[in-house]
Structures are given as structure tokens and as C-alpha cells.
Amino acid sequence: MSEFNNCQQNLLVLAKAQGYLTFDDILDAASTSMLSLAEIDRLSDDLQTLGVMLYDTKPDHLQTDDDTY
């Protein structure tokens, strides 16, 4: 399996577990797999085409607020 496909599969597993991905998730996985910028763009496009929700940061409704009592 190519590094690109392996990275994509790992991200799909993470997306299924979390219900979404952040761009940091993609960049972390891409750097581990040593993907080029073009491959990272393709990866994010492919993930969105597959219905994965991509966010800049963890969605607010999923963040925990440690200051709440």
C-alpha cells in the first residue's frame, strides 16, 4: 500500500472514531507519511469527498471547558 493510501486509511479510522478531522490531524498524518503539499491537498479533497467533516480546530460543541464548575 502506498504511503498516501496508508495515510488516508489511518485518517478515515480516526475520522470514524472522532466523527470529524482537524487540519492538524491531516498535517500530522501527512508529515509522518512524508507526503508532499500536492498530496496533502489531494488527501483533504478526497476526505471531504468521502463525507469527512474537516475543521480548523476541534469543534466548539466537542471541546471541554476546564473553567466550568
C-alpha atoms as a PDB file:
ATOM      1  CA  MET A   1       0.000   0.000   0.000  1.00  0.00           C
ATOM      2  CA  SER A   2       1.375   3.439  -0.868  1.00  0.00           C
ATOM      3  CA  GLU A   3       2.161   5.996   1.835  1.00  0.00           C
ATOM      4  CA  PHE A   4      -0.707   8.153   0.531  1.00  0.00           C
ATOM      5  CA  ASN A   5      -3.248   5.307   0.764  1.00  0.00           C
ATOM      6  CA  ASN A   6      -1.941   4.242   4.158  1.00  0.00           C
ATOM      7  CA  CYS A   7      -2.232   7.817   5.445  1.00  0.00           C
ATOM      8  CA  GLN A   8      -5.748   8.144   4.035  1.00  0.00           C
ATOM      9  CA  GLN A   9      -6.862   4.885   5.653  1.00  0.00           C
ATOM     10  CA  ASN A  10      -5.439   5.928   9.027  1.00  0.00           C
ATOM     11  CA  LEU A  11      -7.238   9.255   8.798  1.00  0.00           C
ATOM     12  CA  LEU A  12     -10.515   7.558   7.890  1.00  0.00           C
ATOM     13  CA  VAL A  13     -10.219   5.392  11.001  1.00  0.00           C
ATOM     14  CA  LEU A  14      -9.544   8.494  13.110  1.00  0.00           C
ATOM     15  CA  ALA A  15     -12.441  10.356  11.481  1.00  0.00           C
ATOM     16  CA  LYS A  16     -14.787   7.492  12.242  1.00  0.00           C
ATOM     17  CA  ALA A  17     -13.672   7.421  15.879  1.00  0.00           C
ATOM     18  CA  GLN A  18     -13.872  11.213  16.385  1.00  0.00           C
ATOM     19  CA  GLY A  19     -16.690  12.000  13.974  1.00  0.00           C
ATOM     20  CA  TYR A  20     -14.526  14.651  12.278  1.00  0.00           C
ATOM     21  CA  LEU A  21     -10.917  15.601  11.467  1.00  0.00           C
ATOM     22  CA  THR A  22      -8.974  18.793  12.013  1.00  0.00           C
ATOM     23  CA  PHE A  23      -6.447  20.123   9.561  1.00  0.00           C
ATOM     24  CA  ASP A  24      -3.822  19.444  12.241  1.00  0.00           C
ATOM     25  CA  ASP A  25      -4.854  15.757  12.155  1.00  0.00           C
ATOM     26  CA  ILE A  26      -4.201  15.748   8.413  1.00  0.00           C
ATOM     27  CA  LEU A  27      -0.903  17.611   8.682  1.00  0.00           C
ATOM     28  CA  ASP A  28       0.324  15.322  11.471  1.00  0.00           C
ATOM     29  CA  ALA A  29      -0.509  12.208   9.481  1.00  0.00           C
ATOM     30  CA  ALA A  30       0.962  13.681   6.294  1.00  0.00           C
ATOM     31  CA  SER A  31       4.235  14.601   7.972  1.00  0.00           C
ATOM     32  CA  THR A  32       4.540  11.095   9.408  1.00  0.00           C
ATOM     33  CA  SER A  33       3.983   9.685   5.909  1.00  0.00           C
ATOM     34  CA  MET A  34       6.248  12.316   4.309  1.00  0.00           C
ATOM     35  CA  LEU A  35       3.569  13.476   1.855  1.00  0.00           C
ATOM     36  CA  SER A  36       4.103  16.438  -0.465  1.00  0.00           C
ATOM     37  CA  LEU A  37       1.928  19.559  -0.398  1.00  0.00           C
ATOM     38  CA  ALA A  38       0.136  18.362  -3.525  1.00  0.00           C
ATOM     39  CA  GLU A  39      -0.613  15.038  -1.830  1.00  0.00           C
ATOM     40  CA  ILE A  40      -1.881  16.829   1.296  1.00  0.00           C
ATOM     41  CA  ASP A  41      -4.252  18.899  -0.861  1.00  0.00           C
ATOM     42  CA  ARG A  42      -5.449  15.772  -2.629  1.00  0.00           C
ATOM     43  CA  LEU A  43      -5.847  13.995   0.696  1.00  0.00           C
ATOM     44  CA  SER A  44      -8.040  16.736   2.183  1.00  0.00           C
ATOM     45  CA  ASP A  45     -10.109  16.899  -1.031  1.00  0.00           C
ATOM     46  CA  ASP A  46     -10.558  13.124  -1.049  1.00  0.00           C
ATOM     47  CA  LEU A  47     -11.571  13.072   2.620  1.00  0.00           C
ATOM     48  CA  GLN A  48     -14.189  15.773   2.058  1.00  0.00           C
ATOM     49  CA  THR A  49     -15.495  13.887  -0.980  1.00  0.00           C
ATOM     50  CA  LEU A  50     -15.874  10.840   1.252  1.00  0.00           C
ATOM     51  CA  GLY A  51     -18.015  12.902   3.621  1.00  0.00           C
ATOM     52  CA  VAL A  52     -15.472  13.547   6.380  1.00  0.00           C
ATOM     53  CA  MET A  53     -16.110  16.803   8.242  1.00  0.00           C
ATOM     54  CA  LEU A  54     -12.933  18.908   8.340  1.00  0.00           C
ATOM     55  CA  TYR A  55     -12.443  21.695  10.878  1.00  0.00           C
ATOM     56  CA  ASP A  56      -9.683  24.229  11.539  1.00  0.00           C
ATOM     57  CA  THR A  57      -9.808  23.327  15.225  1.00  0.00           C
ATOM     58  CA  LYS A  58     -11.739  20.885  17.365  1.00  0.00           C
ATOM     59  CA  PRO A  59     -15.428  21.865  17.086  1.00  0.00           C
ATOM     60  CA  ASP A  60     -16.707  24.002  19.985  1.00  0.00           C
ATOM     61  CA  HIS A  61     -19.503  21.595  20.840  1.00  0.00           C
ATOM     62  CA  LEU A  62     -16.872  18.887  21.386  1.00  0.00           C
ATOM     63  CA  GLN A  63     -14.373  20.923  23.415  1.00  0.00           C
ATOM     64  CA  THR A  64     -14.343  20.622  27.150  1.00  0.00           C
ATOM     65  CA  ASP A  65     -14.220  23.795  29.178  1.00  0.00           C
ATOM     66  CA  ASP A  66     -11.984  23.224  32.187  1.00  0.00           C
ATOM     67  CA  ASP A  67     -13.144  26.533  33.698  1.00  0.00           C
ATOM     68  CA  THR A  68     -16.741  25.374  34.042  1.00  0.00           C
ATOM     69  CA  TYR A  69     -17.740  24.438  37.575  1.00  0.00           C
END
